[in-house]
Protein backbone atom coordinates (compact mmCIF):
# COMPACT_ATOMS: atom_id res chain seq x y z
CA MET A 1 -24.24 44.43 141.16
CA TYR A 2 -21.12 42.31 141.11
CA TYR A 3 -17.63 43.70 141.31
CA VAL A 4 -14.26 42.53 140.06
CA TYR A 5 -11.56 44.26 142.05
CA VAL A 6 -7.80 44.58 142.27
CA LEU A 7 -5.86 45.03 145.48
CA LYS A 8 -2.24 46.12 145.59
CA LEU A 9 -0.25 44.13 148.14
CA GLU A 10 2.97 44.90 150.00
CA ASN A 11 5.82 42.54 150.84
CA THR A 12 4.77 39.78 148.47
CA LYS A 13 5.98 38.11 145.29
CA ASN A 14 2.59 38.65 143.64
CA ASN A 15 1.94 42.36 143.93
CA PHE A 16 -1.77 42.16 143.11
CA TYR A 17 -4.84 40.26 144.28
CA PHE A 18 -7.89 39.84 142.05
CA GLY A 19 -11.30 39.09 143.48
CA CYS A 20 -15.02 39.15 142.79
CA THR A 21 -17.87 40.01 145.17
CA SER A 22 -21.40 41.34 145.38
CA ASP A 23 -20.52 43.66 148.29
CA LEU A 24 -17.31 45.53 147.51
CA LYS A 25 -17.20 47.69 150.66
CA ARG A 26 -17.61 44.69 152.97
CA ARG A 27 -15.04 42.64 151.09
CA VAL A 28 -12.39 45.37 151.14
CA VAL A 29 -12.91 45.79 154.90
CA GLU A 30 -12.46 42.02 155.34
CA HIS A 31 -9.17 42.19 153.44
CA LYS A 32 -7.93 45.20 155.43
CA ASN A 33 -8.89 43.60 158.76
CA GLY A 34 -6.90 40.45 157.97
CA ASN A 35 -9.96 38.20 157.65
CA THR A 36 -8.74 36.86 154.29
CA GLN A 37 -5.76 34.49 154.50
CA SER A 38 -4.39 35.35 151.05
CA THR A 39 -4.03 39.08 151.85
CA LYS A 40 -3.48 38.96 155.61
CA GLY A 41 -0.49 41.03 156.70
CA LYS A 42 0.10 42.40 153.20
CA ASN A 43 -1.52 45.83 153.68
CA PRO A 44 -4.05 45.47 150.82
CA GLU A 45 -5.14 48.63 149.05
CA LEU A 46 -8.02 48.80 146.58
CA ILE A 47 -6.66 50.28 143.34
CA TYR A 48 -9.30 49.32 140.78
CA TYR A 49 -12.74 47.79 140.34
CA GLU A 50 -15.28 47.08 137.61
CA ALA A 51 -19.04 46.72 138.11
CA TYR A 52 -21.21 44.11 136.38
CA SER A 53 -24.95 43.53 136.52
CA ASP A 54 -24.50 39.85 135.67
CA LYS A 55 -22.74 37.50 138.10
CA SER A 56 -21.43 35.16 135.41
CA LEU A 57 -19.80 38.03 133.49
CA ALA A 58 -18.06 39.25 136.64
CA TYR A 59 -16.68 35.81 137.47
CA LYS A 60 -15.63 35.29 133.85
CA ARG A 61 -13.67 38.57 133.95
CA GLU A 62 -12.02 37.62 137.26
CA LYS A 63 -11.00 34.26 135.84
CA GLY A 64 -9.58 35.96 132.74
CA LEU A 65 -7.46 38.27 134.89
CA LYS A 66 -6.14 35.35 136.91
CA THR A 67 -5.42 32.95 134.05
CA SER A 68 -4.62 34.98 130.95
CA GLY A 69 -1.32 36.80 130.91
CA SER A 70 -2.42 39.09 128.10
CA VAL A 71 -5.60 40.14 129.95
CA TYR A 72 -3.60 40.67 133.17
CA ASN A 73 -0.88 42.68 131.40
CA ALA A 74 -3.40 44.78 129.46
CA LEU A 75 -5.13 45.84 132.68
CA LEU A 76 -1.84 46.67 134.42
CA LYS A 77 -0.72 48.67 131.40
CA ARG A 78 -4.04 50.55 131.33
CA LEU A 79 -3.62 51.35 135.02
CA GLU A 80 -0.02 52.40 134.31
CA LEU A 81 1.30 49.81 136.77
CA LYS A 82 3.50 48.03 134.27
């Protein structure tokens, strides 16, 4: 399985971090332990994830969330964060 996930960040201009991984538990621990430069010191909290059986679909979804404002806004609205 492959996972697209969203972390909520504190004390940052961009309040959310989007990522993709094949091991969600390990990756979240890496973020929380400060092993990831982009989320280090920002108290990341997992707020959402989606599971995919196909790697290319997961990475396509992640890219859509990062590059398409409408996809990004639709997800935040669905999560009632916007």
